[in-house]
Amino acid sequence: ADTTEVWLLEIVSKGAGERGVVWVARRIPDDSASSHANQARI
């Protein structure tokens, strides 16, 4: 979160023999709330 936006970013390793992650991020709409708890949401 910053002063104007909130984002949910999900990342997962590419695994052994690879470098980096695959990922996706969603902006939380201004009139919404989001929760997360030990499960990928996107």
PDB file of all heavy atoms in Angstrom:
ATOM      1  N   ALA A   1       0.835  -1.197   0.000  1.00  0.00           N
ATOM      2  CA  ALA A   1       0.000   0.000   0.000  1.00  0.00           C
ATOM      3  C   ALA A   1       0.872   1.250   0.000  1.00  0.00           C
ATOM      4  O   ALA A   1       1.914   1.284   0.659  1.00  0.00           O
ATOM      5  CB  ALA A   1      -0.908   0.022   1.221  1.00  0.00           C
ATOM      6  N   ASP A   2       0.432   2.263  -0.742  1.00  0.00           N
ATOM      7  CA  ASP A   2       1.039   3.583  -0.638  1.00  0.00           C
ATOM      8  C   ASP A   2      -0.061   4.580  -0.279  1.00  0.00           C
ATOM      9  O   ASP A   2      -1.129   4.183   0.178  1.00  0.00           O
ATOM     10  CB  ASP A   2       1.814   3.954  -1.909  1.00  0.00           C
ATOM     11  CG  ASP A   2       0.958   3.961  -3.167  1.00  0.00           C
ATOM     12  OD1 ASP A   2      -0.247   4.267  -3.082  1.00  0.00           O
ATOM     13  OD2 ASP A   2       1.500   3.677  -4.263  1.00  0.00           O
ATOM     14  N   THR A   3       0.163   5.850  -0.471  1.00  0.00           N
ATOM     15  CA  THR A   3      -0.821   6.848  -0.037  1.00  0.00           C
ATOM     16  C   THR A   3      -2.043   6.915  -0.940  1.00  0.00           C
ATOM     17  O   THR A   3      -3.043   7.539  -0.584  1.00  0.00           O
ATOM     18  CB  THR A   3      -0.187   8.241   0.041  1.00  0.00           C
ATOM     19  OG1 THR A   3       0.337   8.579  -1.251  1.00  0.00           O
ATOM     20  CG2 THR A   3       0.939   8.268   1.066  1.00  0.00           C
ATOM     21  N   THR A   4      -1.993   6.273  -2.120  1.00  0.00           N
ATOM     22  CA  THR A   4      -3.122   6.361  -3.052  1.00  0.00           C
ATOM     23  C   THR A   4      -3.658   5.013  -3.527  1.00  0.00           C
ATOM     24  O   THR A   4      -4.788   4.952  -4.014  1.00  0.00           O
ATOM     25  CB  THR A   4      -2.745   7.180  -4.312  1.00  0.00           C
ATOM     26  OG1 THR A   4      -1.672   6.524  -4.993  1.00  0.00           O
ATOM     27  CG2 THR A   4      -2.330   8.592  -3.928  1.00  0.00           C
ATOM     28  N   GLU A   5      -2.874   3.929  -3.407  1.00  0.00           N
ATOM     29  CA  GLU A   5      -3.292   2.630  -3.946  1.00  0.00           C
ATOM     30  C   GLU A   5      -2.922   1.500  -3.000  1.00  0.00           C
ATOM     31  O   GLU A   5      -1.956   1.600  -2.242  1.00  0.00           O
ATOM     32  CB  GLU A   5      -2.615   2.348  -5.298  1.00  0.00           C
ATOM     33  CG  GLU A   5      -3.002   3.279  -6.412  1.00  0.00           C
ATOM     34  CD  GLU A   5      -2.359   2.863  -7.726  1.00  0.00           C
ATOM     35  OE1 GLU A   5      -1.168   2.483  -7.731  1.00  0.00           O
ATOM     36  OE2 GLU A   5      -3.055   2.922  -8.748  1.00  0.00           O
ATOM     37  N   VAL A   6      -3.679   0.401  -3.116  1.00  0.00           N
ATOM     38  CA  VAL A   6      -3.342  -0.853  -2.439  1.00  0.00           C
ATOM     39  C   VAL A   6      -3.323  -1.963  -3.485  1.00  0.00           C
ATOM     40  O   VAL A   6      -4.240  -2.062  -4.317  1.00  0.00           O
ATOM     41  CB  VAL A   6      -4.363  -1.197  -1.336  1.00  0.00           C
ATOM     42  CG1 VAL A   6      -3.999  -2.531  -0.679  1.00  0.00           C
ATOM     43  CG2 VAL A   6      -4.436  -0.089  -0.301  1.00  0.00           C
ATOM     44  N   TRP A   7      -2.289  -2.786  -3.460  1.00  0.00           N
ATOM     45  CA  TRP A   7      -2.141  -3.898  -4.398  1.00  0.00           C
ATOM     46  C   TRP A   7      -1.917  -5.189  -3.635  1.00  0.00           C
ATOM     47  O   TRP A   7      -1.319  -5.195  -2.549  1.00  0.00           O
ATOM     48  CB  TRP A   7      -0.949  -3.667  -5.328  1.00  0.00           C
ATOM     49  CG  TRP A   7      -1.181  -2.616  -6.368  1.00  0.00           C
ATOM     50  CD1 TRP A   7      -1.195  -1.254  -6.181  1.00  0.00           C
ATOM     51  CD2 TRP A   7      -1.426  -2.824  -7.758  1.00  0.00           C
ATOM     52  NE1 TRP A   7      -1.435  -0.619  -7.374  1.00  0.00           N
ATOM     53  CE2 TRP A   7      -1.581  -1.549  -8.357  1.00  0.00           C
ATOM     54  CE3 TRP A   7      -1.536  -3.963  -8.548  1.00  0.00           C
ATOM     55  CZ2 TRP A   7      -1.828  -1.397  -9.719  1.00  0.00           C
ATOM     56  CZ3 TRP A   7      -1.781  -3.818  -9.905  1.00  0.00           C
ATOM     57  CH2 TRP A   7      -1.926  -2.539 -10.479  1.00  0.00           C
ATOM     58  N   LEU A   8      -2.366  -6.294  -4.215  1.00  0.00           N
ATOM     59  CA  LEU A   8      -2.051  -7.630  -3.728  1.00  0.00           C
ATOM     60  C   LEU A   8      -1.177  -8.290  -4.783  1.00  0.00           C
ATOM     61  O   LEU A   8      -1.600  -8.473  -5.924  1.00  0.00           O
ATOM     62  CB  LEU A   8      -3.319  -8.446  -3.502  1.00  0.00           C
ATOM     63  CG  LEU A   8      -3.104  -9.892  -3.039  1.00  0.00           C
ATOM     64  CD1 LEU A   8      -2.430  -9.921  -1.671  1.00  0.00           C
ATOM     65  CD2 LEU A   8      -4.423 -10.648  -2.989  1.00  0.00           C
ATOM     66  N   LEU A   9       0.053  -8.615  -4.402  1.00  0.00           N
ATOM     67  CA  LEU A   9       1.027  -9.256  -5.286  1.00  0.00           C
ATOM     68  C   LEU A   9       1.200 -10.699  -4.845  1.00  0.00           C
ATOM     69  O   LEU A   9       1.406 -10.966  -3.660  1.00  0.00           O
ATOM     70  CB  LEU A   9       2.370  -8.523  -5.197  1.00  0.00           C
ATOM     71  CG  LEU A   9       3.595  -9.229  -5.781  1.00  0.00           C
ATOM     72  CD1 LEU A   9       3.494  -9.354  -7.298  1.00  0.00           C
ATOM     73  CD2 LEU A   9       4.871  -8.502  -5.378  1.00  0.00           C
ATOM     74  N   GLU A  10       1.118 -11.639  -5.798  1.00  0.00           N
ATOM     75  CA  GLU A  10       1.374 -13.040  -5.475  1.00  0.00           C
ATOM     76  C   GLU A  10       2.543 -13.535  -6.320  1.00  0.00           C
ATOM     77  O   GLU A  10       2.578 -13.341  -7.536  1.00  0.00           O
ATOM     78  CB  GLU A  10       0.116 -13.871  -5.678  1.00  0.00           C
ATOM     79  CG  GLU A  10      -0.950 -13.399  -4.687  1.00  0.00           C
ATOM     80  CD  GLU A  10      -2.142 -14.294  -4.543  1.00  0.00           C
ATOM     81  OE1 GLU A  10      -2.572 -14.910  -5.537  1.00  0.00           O
ATOM     82  OE2 GLU A  10      -2.651 -14.369  -3.416  1.00  0.00           O
ATOM     83  N   ILE A  11       3.509 -14.149  -5.631  1.00  0.00           N
ATOM     84  CA  ILE A  11       4.711 -14.637  -6.290  1.00  0.00           C
ATOM     85  C   ILE A  11       4.926 -16.098  -5.919  1.00  0.00           C
ATOM     86  O   ILE A  11       4.582 -16.538  -4.828  1.00  0.00           O
ATOM     87  CB  ILE A  11       5.964 -13.817  -5.912  1.00  0.00           C
ATOM     88  CG1 ILE A  11       6.290 -13.930  -4.406  1.00  0.00           C
ATOM     89  CG2 ILE A  11       5.790 -12.345  -6.300  1.00  0.00           C
ATOM     90  CD1 ILE A  11       7.583 -13.246  -4.004  1.00  0.00           C
ATOM     91  N   VAL A  12       5.517 -16.839  -6.852  1.00  0.00           N
ATOM     92  CA  VAL A  12       5.911 -18.215  -6.561  1.00  0.00           C
ATOM     93  C   VAL A  12       7.216 -18.491  -7.304  1.00  0.00           C
ATOM     94  O   VAL A  12       7.425 -18.021  -8.422  1.00  0.00           O
ATOM     95  CB  VAL A  12       4.801 -19.229  -6.947  1.00  0.00           C
ATOM     96  CG1 VAL A  12       4.583 -19.283  -8.439  1.00  0.00           C
ATOM     97  CG2 VAL A  12       5.091 -20.609  -6.378  1.00  0.00           C
ATOM     98  N   SER A  13       8.090 -19.223  -6.659  1.00  0.00           N
ATOM     99  CA  SER A  13       9.388 -19.569  -7.232  1.00  0.00           C
ATOM    100  C   SER A  13       9.233 -20.366  -8.518  1.00  0.00           C
ATOM    101  O   SER A  13       8.281 -21.134  -8.683  1.00  0.00           O
ATOM    102  CB  SER A  13      10.185 -20.401  -6.211  1.00  0.00           C
ATOM    103  OG  SER A  13      11.329 -20.974  -6.794  1.00  0.00           O
ATOM    104  N   LYS A  14      10.193 -20.191  -9.420  1.00  0.00           N
ATOM    105  CA  LYS A  14      10.226 -21.018 -10.626  1.00  0.00           C
ATOM    106  C   LYS A  14      10.868 -22.375 -10.372  1.00  0.00           C
ATOM    107  O   LYS A  14      10.882 -23.223 -11.256  1.00  0.00           O
ATOM    108  CB  LYS A  14      10.980 -20.285 -11.737  1.00  0.00           C
ATOM    109  CG  LYS A  14      10.227 -19.098 -12.314  1.00  0.00           C
ATOM    110  CD  LYS A  14      11.003 -18.487 -13.472  1.00  0.00           C
ATOM    111  CE  LYS A  14      10.187 -17.427 -14.174  1.00  0.00           C
ATOM    112  NZ  LYS A  14      10.930 -16.838 -15.317  1.00  0.00           N
ATOM    113  N   GLY A  15      11.442 -22.584  -9.183  1.00  0.00           N
ATOM    114  CA  GLY A  15      11.976 -23.890  -8.829  1.00  0.00           C
ATOM    115  C   GLY A  15      13.447 -24.060  -9.124  1.00  0.00           C
ATOM    116  O   GLY A  15      14.121 -23.156  -9.640  1.00  0.00           O
ATOM    117  N   ALA A  16      13.946 -25.246  -8.803  1.00  0.00           N
ATOM    118  CA  ALA A  16      15.360 -25.569  -8.978  1.00  0.00           C
ATOM    119  C   ALA A  16      15.761 -25.444 -10.444  1.00  0.00           C
ATOM    120  O   ALA A  16      15.004 -25.817 -11.338  1.00  0.00           O
ATOM    121  CB  ALA A  16      15.634 -26.980  -8.470  1.00  0.00           C
ATOM    122  N   GLY A  17      16.944 -24.923 -10.662  1.00  0.00           N
ATOM    123  CA  GLY A  17      17.459 -24.765 -12.017  1.00  0.00           C
ATOM    124  C   GLY A  17      16.921 -23.559 -12.753  1.00  0.00           C
ATOM    125  O   GLY A  17      17.246 -23.343 -13.918  1.00  0.00           O
ATOM    126  N   GLU A  18      16.070 -22.775 -12.096  1.00  0.00           N
ATOM    127  CA  GLU A  18      15.486 -21.570 -12.690  1.00  0.00           C
ATOM    128  C   GLU A  18      15.915 -20.360 -11.860  1.00  0.00           C
ATOM    129  O   GLU A  18      16.445 -20.500 -10.763  1.00  0.00           O
ATOM    130  CB  GLU A  18      13.954 -21.661 -12.704  1.00  0.00           C
ATOM    131  CG  GLU A  18      13.405 -22.875 -13.414  1.00  0.00           C
ATOM    132  CD  GLU A  18      13.158 -22.639 -14.896  1.00  0.00           C
ATOM    133  OE1 GLU A  18      13.362 -21.504 -15.362  1.00  0.00           O
ATOM    134  OE2 GLU A  18      12.762 -23.600 -15.568  1.00  0.00           O
ATOM    135  N   ARG A  19      15.639 -19.180 -12.371  1.00  0.00           N
ATOM    136  CA  ARG A  19      15.949 -17.962 -11.629  1.00  0.00           C
ATOM    137  C   ARG A  19      14.706 -17.079 -11.586  1.00  0.00           C
ATOM    138  O   ARG A  19      14.057 -16.873 -12.605  1.00  0.00           O
ATOM    139  CB  ARG A  19      17.109 -17.219 -12.312  1.00  0.00           C
ATOM    140  CG  ARG A  19      17.529 -15.887 -11.689  1.00  0.00           C
ATOM    141  CD  ARG A  19      18.028 -16.040 -10.254  1.00  0.00           C
ATOM    142  NE  ARG A  19      19.179 -16.861 -10.102  1.00  0.00           N
ATOM    143  CZ  ARG A  19      20.428 -16.411 -10.037  1.00  0.00           C
ATOM    144  NH1 ARG A  19      20.691 -15.136 -10.130  1.00  0.00           N
ATOM    145  NH2 ARG A  19      21.422 -17.254  -9.871  1.00  0.00           N
ATOM    146  N   GLY A  20      14.366 -16.571 -10.403  1.00  0.00           N
ATOM    147  CA  GLY A  20      13.267 -15.632 -10.275  1.00  0.00           C
ATOM    148  C   GLY A  20      11.927 -16.277  -9.975  1.00  0.00           C
ATOM    149  O   GLY A  20      11.845 -17.431  -9.549  1.00  0.00           O
ATOM    150  N   VAL A  21      10.874 -15.506 -10.220  1.00  0.00           N
ATOM    151  CA  VAL A  21       9.522 -15.911  -9.866  1.00  0.00           C
ATOM    152  C   VAL A  21       8.562 -15.644 -11.016  1.00  0.00           C
ATOM    153  O   VAL A  21       8.851 -14.869 -11.919  1.00  0.00           O
ATOM    154  CB  VAL A  21       9.018 -15.148  -8.614  1.00  0.00           C
ATOM    155  CG1 VAL A  21       9.818 -15.527  -7.386  1.00  0.00           C
ATOM    156  CG2 VAL A  21       9.042 -13.634  -8.834  1.00  0.00           C
ATOM    157  N   VAL A  22       7.401 -16.302 -10.955  1.00  0.00           N
ATOM    158  CA  VAL A  22       6.246 -15.881 -11.746  1.00  0.00           C
ATOM    159  C   VAL A  22       5.305 -15.187 -10.776  1.00  0.00           C
ATOM    160  O   VAL A  22       5.270 -15.508  -9.586  1.00  0.00           O
ATOM    161  CB  VAL A  22       5.559 -17.062 -12.472  1.00  0.00           C
ATOM    162  CG1 VAL A  22       6.421 -17.514 -13.642  1.00  0.00           C
ATOM    163  CG2 VAL A  22       5.286 -18.225 -11.541  1.00  0.00           C
ATOM    164  N   TRP A  23       4.550 -14.221 -11.284  1.00  0.00           N
ATOM    165  CA  TRP A  23       3.750 -13.413 -10.378  1.00  0.00           C
ATOM    166  C   TRP A  23       2.607 -12.713 -11.107  1.00  0.00           C
ATOM    167  O   TRP A  23       2.618 -12.578 -12.332  1.00  0.00           O
ATOM    168  CB  TRP A  23       4.615 -12.363  -9.682  1.00  0.00           C
ATOM    169  CG  TRP A  23       5.321 -11.415 -10.619  1.00  0.00           C
ATOM    170  CD1 TRP A  23       6.544 -11.609 -11.212  1.00  0.00           C
ATOM    171  CD2 TRP A  23       4.863 -10.133 -11.077  1.00  0.00           C
ATOM    172  NE1 TRP A  23       6.869 -10.536 -11.999  1.00  0.00           N
ATOM    173  CE2 TRP A  23       5.857  -9.602 -11.938  1.00  0.00           C
ATOM    174  CE3 TRP A  23       3.705  -9.384 -10.833  1.00  0.00           C
ATOM    175  CZ2 TRP A  23       5.719  -8.363 -12.548  1.00  0.00           C
ATOM    176  CZ3 TRP A  23       3.566  -8.140 -11.458  1.00  0.00           C
ATOM    177  CH2 TRP A  23       4.578  -7.646 -12.293  1.00  0.00           C
ATOM    178  N   VAL A  24       1.636 -12.299 -10.306  1.00  0.00           N
ATOM    179  CA  VAL A  24       0.547 -11.451 -10.784  1.00  0.00           C
ATOM    180  C   VAL A  24       0.156 -10.549  -9.618  1.00  0.00           C
ATOM    181  O   VAL A  24       0.274 -10.935  -8.450  1.00  0.00           O
ATOM    182  CB  VAL A  24      -0.643 -12.277 -11.311  1.00  0.00           C
ATOM    183  CG1 VAL A  24      -1.260 -13.119 -10.228  1.00  0.00           C
ATOM    184  CG2 VAL A  24      -1.689 -11.396 -11.971  1.00  0.00           C
ATOM    185  N   ALA A  25      -0.284  -9.334  -9.929  1.00  0.00           N
ATOM    186  CA  ALA A  25      -0.706  -8.378  -8.907  1.00  0.00           C
ATOM    187  C   ALA A  25      -2.032  -7.757  -9.313  1.00  0.00           C
ATOM    188  O   ALA A  25      -2.257  -7.484 -10.498  1.00  0.00           O
ATOM    189  CB  ALA A  25       0.351  -7.291  -8.714  1.00  0.00           C
ATOM    190  N   ARG A  26      -2.906  -7.556  -8.344  1.00  0.00           N
ATOM    191  CA  ARG A  26      -4.196  -6.913  -8.581  1.00  0.00           C
ATOM    192  C   ARG A  26      -4.313  -5.681  -7.694  1.00  0.00           C
ATOM    193  O   ARG A  26      -3.990  -5.744  -6.503  1.00  0.00           O
ATOM    194  CB  ARG A  26      -5.358  -7.854  -8.239  1.00  0.00           C
ATOM    195  CG  ARG A  26      -5.550  -9.040  -9.148  1.00  0.00           C
ATOM    196  CD  ARG A  26      -6.051  -8.704 -10.539  1.00  0.00           C
ATOM    197  NE  ARG A  26      -7.243  -7.884 -10.582  1.00  0.00           N
ATOM    198  CZ  ARG A  26      -8.490  -8.345 -10.623  1.00  0.00           C
ATOM    199  NH1 ARG A  26      -8.702  -9.655 -10.622  1.00  0.00           N
ATOM    200  NH2 ARG A  26      -9.515  -7.513 -10.686  1.00  0.00           N
ATOM    201  N   ARG A  27      -4.798  -4.583  -8.280  1.00  0.00           N
ATOM    202  CA  ARG A  27      -5.084  -3.396  -7.479  1.00  0.00           C
ATOM    203  C   ARG A  27      -6.426  -3.588  -6.783  1.00  0.00           C
ATOM    204  O   ARG A  27      -7.404  -4.004  -7.406  1.00  0.00           O
ATOM    205  CB  ARG A  27      -5.124  -2.145  -8.354  1.00  0.00           C
ATOM    206  CG  ARG A  27      -5.253  -0.859  -7.542  1.00  0.00           C
ATOM    207  CD  ARG A  27      -5.183   0.376  -8.417  1.00  0.00           C
ATOM    208  NE  ARG A  27      -6.361   0.503  -9.268  1.00  0.00           N
ATOM    209  CZ  ARG A  27      -7.537   1.001  -8.853  1.00  0.00           C
ATOM    210  NH1 ARG A  27      -7.698   1.401  -7.605  1.00  0.00           N
ATOM    211  NH2 ARG A  27      -8.548   1.093  -9.697  1.00  0.00           N
ATOM    212  N   ILE A  28      -6.461  -3.307  -5.493  1.00  0.00           N
ATOM    213  CA  ILE A  28      -7.719  -3.385  -4.747  1.00  0.00           C
ATOM    214  C   ILE A  28      -8.523  -2.123  -5.073  1.00  0.00           C
ATOM    215  O   ILE A  28      -8.030  -1.010  -4.866  1.00  0.00           O
ATOM    216  CB  ILE A  28      -7.462  -3.477  -3.231  1.00  0.00           C
ATOM    217  CG1 ILE A  28      -6.492  -4.621  -2.902  1.00  0.00           C
ATOM    218  CG2 ILE A  28      -8.785  -3.639  -2.480  1.00  0.00           C
ATOM    219  CD1 ILE A  28      -6.915  -5.983  -3.377  1.00  0.00           C
ATOM    220  N   PRO A  29      -9.744  -2.252  -5.588  1.00  0.00           N
ATOM    221  CA  PRO A  29     -10.536  -1.056  -5.918  1.00  0.00           C
ATOM    222  C   PRO A  29     -10.715  -0.152  -4.697  1.00  0.00           C
ATOM    223  O   PRO A  29     -10.749  -0.614  -3.554  1.00  0.00           O
ATOM    224  CB  PRO A  29     -11.876  -1.635  -6.384  1.00  0.00           C
ATOM    225  CG  PRO A  29     -11.534  -3.008  -6.875  1.00  0.00           C
ATOM    226  CD  PRO A  29     -10.436  -3.491  -5.963  1.00  0.00           C
ATOM    227  N   ASP A  30     -10.830   1.147  -4.958  1.00  0.00           N
ATOM    228  CA  ASP A  30     -10.888   2.124  -3.873  1.00  0.00           C
ATOM    229  C   ASP A  30     -12.072   1.911  -2.938  1.00  0.00           C
ATOM    230  O   ASP A  30     -12.014   2.291  -1.769  1.00  0.00           O
ATOM    231  CB  ASP A  30     -10.950   3.543  -4.445  1.00  0.00           C
ATOM    232  CG  ASP A  30      -9.667   3.928  -5.168  1.00  0.00           C
ATOM    233  OD1 ASP A  30      -8.634   3.261  -4.923  1.00  0.00           O
ATOM    234  OD2 ASP A  30      -9.688   4.882  -5.955  1.00  0.00           O
ATOM    235  N   ASP A  31     -13.156   1.299  -3.421  1.00  0.00           N
ATOM    236  CA  ASP A  31     -14.338   1.097  -2.576  1.00  0.00           C
ATOM    237  C   ASP A  31     -14.385  -0.310  -1.980  1.00  0.00           C
ATOM    238  O   ASP A  31     -15.437  -0.772  -1.557  1.00  0.00           O
ATOM    239  CB  ASP A  31     -15.614   1.360  -3.380  1.00  0.00           C
ATOM    240  CG  ASP A  31     -15.779   0.405  -4.559  1.00  0.00           C
ATOM    241  OD1 ASP A  31     -14.837  -0.386  -4.832  1.00  0.00           O
ATOM    242  OD2 ASP A  31     -16.838   0.432  -5.208  1.00  0.00           O
ATOM    243  N   SER A  32     -13.237  -0.977  -1.938  1.00  0.00           N
ATOM    244  CA  SER A  32     -13.218  -2.391  -1.531  1.00  0.00           C
ATOM    245  C   SER A  32     -12.179  -2.643  -0.448  1.00  0.00           C
ATOM    246  O   SER A  32     -11.297  -1.822  -0.202  1.00  0.00           O
ATOM    247  CB  SER A  32     -12.911  -3.282  -2.736  1.00  0.00           C
ATOM    248  OG  SER A  32     -13.863  -3.100  -3.749  1.00  0.00           O
ATOM    249  N   ALA A  33     -12.306  -3.800   0.164  1.00  0.00           N
ATOM    250  CA  ALA A  33     -11.317  -4.300   1.112  1.00  0.00           C
ATOM    251  C   ALA A  33     -10.936  -5.707   0.689  1.00  0.00           C
ATOM    252  O   ALA A  33     -11.669  -6.368  -0.042  1.00  0.00           O
ATOM    253  CB  ALA A  33     -11.885  -4.311   2.530  1.00  0.00           C
ATOM    254  N   SER A  34      -9.767  -6.160   1.126  1.00  0.00           N
ATOM    255  CA  SER A  34      -9.329  -7.511   0.807  1.00  0.00           C
ATOM    256  C   SER A  34      -8.636  -8.109   2.024  1.00  0.00           C
ATOM    257  O   SER A  34      -8.036  -7.396   2.823  1.00  0.00           O
ATOM    258  CB  SER A  34      -8.363  -7.484  -0.383  1.00  0.00           C
ATOM    259  OG  SER A  34      -7.887  -8.778  -0.668  1.00  0.00           O
ATOM    260  N   SER A  35      -8.740  -9.414   2.146  1.00  0.00           N
ATOM    261  CA  SER A  35      -7.999 -10.118   3.190  1.00  0.00           C
ATOM    262  C   SER A  35      -7.225 -11.250   2.533  1.00  0.00           C
ATOM    263  O   SER A  35      -7.537 -11.660   1.421  1.00  0.00           O
ATOM    264  CB  SER A  35      -8.961 -10.673   4.243  1.00  0.00           C
ATOM    265  OG  SER A  35      -9.813 -11.632   3.655  1.00  0.00           O
ATOM    266  N   HIS A  36      -6.219 -11.716   3.226  1.00  0.00           N
ATOM    267  CA  HIS A  36      -5.532 -12.914   2.743  1.00  0.00           C
ATOM    268  C   HIS A  36      -5.044 -13.720   3.943  1.00  0.00           C
ATOM    269  O   HIS A  36      -4.749 -13.164   4.988  1.00  0.00           O
ATOM    270  CB  HIS A  36      -4.390 -12.586   1.773  1.00  0.00           C
ATOM    271  CG  HIS A  36      -3.294 -11.729   2.336  1.00  0.00           C
ATOM    272  ND1 HIS A  36      -2.400 -11.068   1.537  1.00  0.00           N
ATOM    273  CD2 HIS A  36      -2.931 -11.428   3.589  1.00  0.00           C
ATOM    274  CE1 HIS A  36      -1.538 -10.407   2.282  1.00  0.00           C
ATOM    275  NE2 HIS A  36      -1.827 -10.609   3.518  1.00  0.00           N
ATOM    276  N   ALA A  37      -5.003 -15.035   3.774  1.00  0.00           N
ATOM    277  CA  ALA A  37      -4.589 -15.893   4.877  1.00  0.00           C
ATOM    278  C   ALA A  37      -4.110 -17.241   4.342  1.00  0.00           C
ATOM    279  O   ALA A  37      -4.890 -18.171   4.206  1.00  0.00           O
ATOM    280  CB  ALA A  37      -5.723 -16.087   5.873  1.00  0.00           C
ATOM    281  N   ASN A  38      -2.833 -17.308   4.015  1.00  0.00           N
ATOM    282  CA  ASN A  38      -2.174 -18.561   3.679  1.00  0.00           C
ATOM    283  C   ASN A  38      -2.808 -19.323   2.520  1.00  0.00           C
ATOM    284  O   ASN A  38      -2.847 -20.555   2.510  1.00  0.00           O
ATOM    285  CB  ASN A  38      -2.073 -19.459   4.921  1.00  0.00           C
ATOM    286  CG  ASN A  38      -1.365 -18.751   6.055  1.00  0.00           C
ATOM    287  OD1 ASN A  38      -1.989 -18.318   7.009  1.00  0.00           O
ATOM    288  ND2 ASN A  38      -0.064 -18.583   5.935  1.00  0.00           N
ATOM    289  N   GLN A  39      -3.293 -18.584   1.536  1.00  0.00           N
ATOM    290  CA  GLN A  39      -3.783 -19.192   0.309  1.00  0.00           C
ATOM    291  C   GLN A  39      -3.661 -18.160  -0.806  1.00  0.00           C
ATOM    292  O   GLN A  39      -4.013 -17.003  -0.609  1.00  0.00           O
ATOM    293  CB  GLN A  39      -5.250 -19.613   0.450  1.00  0.00           C
ATOM    294  CG  GLN A  39      -5.919 -20.051  -0.850  1.00  0.00           C
ATOM    295  CD  GLN A  39      -5.257 -21.259  -1.474  1.00  0.00           C
ATOM    296  OE1 GLN A  39      -4.885 -22.187  -0.765  1.00  0.00           O
ATOM    297  NE2 GLN A  39      -5.106 -21.255  -2.781  1.00  0.00           N
ATOM    298  N   ALA A  40      -3.136 -18.580  -1.948  1.00  0.00           N
ATOM    299  CA  ALA A  40      -3.101 -17.666  -3.092  1.00  0.00           C
ATOM    300  C   ALA A  40      -4.530 -17.239  -3.425  1.00  0.00           C
ATOM    301  O   ALA A  40      -5.446 -18.055  -3.426  1.00  0.00           O
ATOM    302  CB  ALA A  40      -2.446 -18.349  -4.289  1.00  0.00           C
ATOM    303  N   ARG A  41      -4.731 -15.958  -3.703  1.00  0.00           N
ATOM    304  CA  ARG A  41      -6.066 -15.414  -3.878  1.00  0.00           C
ATOM    305  C   ARG A  41      -6.395 -15.078  -5.328  1.00  0.00           C
ATOM    306  O   ARG A  41      -7.548 -15.036  -5.715  1.00  0.00           O
ATOM    307  CB  ARG A  41      -6.214 -14.130  -3.053  1.00  0.00           C
ATOM    308  CG  ARG A  41      -6.043 -14.315  -1.556  1.00  0.00           C
ATOM    309  CD  ARG A  41      -7.108 -15.190  -0.967  1.00  0.00           C
ATOM    310  NE  ARG A  41      -8.445 -14.715  -1.296  1.00  0.00           N
ATOM    311  CZ  ARG A  41      -9.068 -13.706  -0.710  1.00  0.00           C
ATOM    312  NH1 ARG A  41      -8.487 -13.049   0.259  1.00  0.00           N
ATOM    313  NH2 ARG A  41     -10.285 -13.360  -1.084  1.00  0.00           N
ATOM    314  N   ILE A  42      -5.396 -14.745  -6.125  1.00  0.00           N
ATOM    315  CA  ILE A  42      -5.656 -14.237  -7.474  1.00  0.00           C
ATOM    316  C   ILE A  42      -5.874 -15.397  -8.437  1.00  0.00           C
ATOM    317  O   ILE A  42      -5.019 -16.264  -8.586  1.00  0.00           O
ATOM    318  CB  ILE A  42      -4.510 -13.336  -7.962  1.00  0.00           C
ATOM    319  CG1 ILE A  42      -4.343 -12.141  -7.010  1.00  0.00           C
ATOM    320  CG2 ILE A  42      -4.781 -12.852  -9.383  1.00  0.00           C
ATOM    321  CD1 ILE A  42      -3.150 -11.273  -7.309  1.00  0.00           C
TER     322      ILE A  42
END
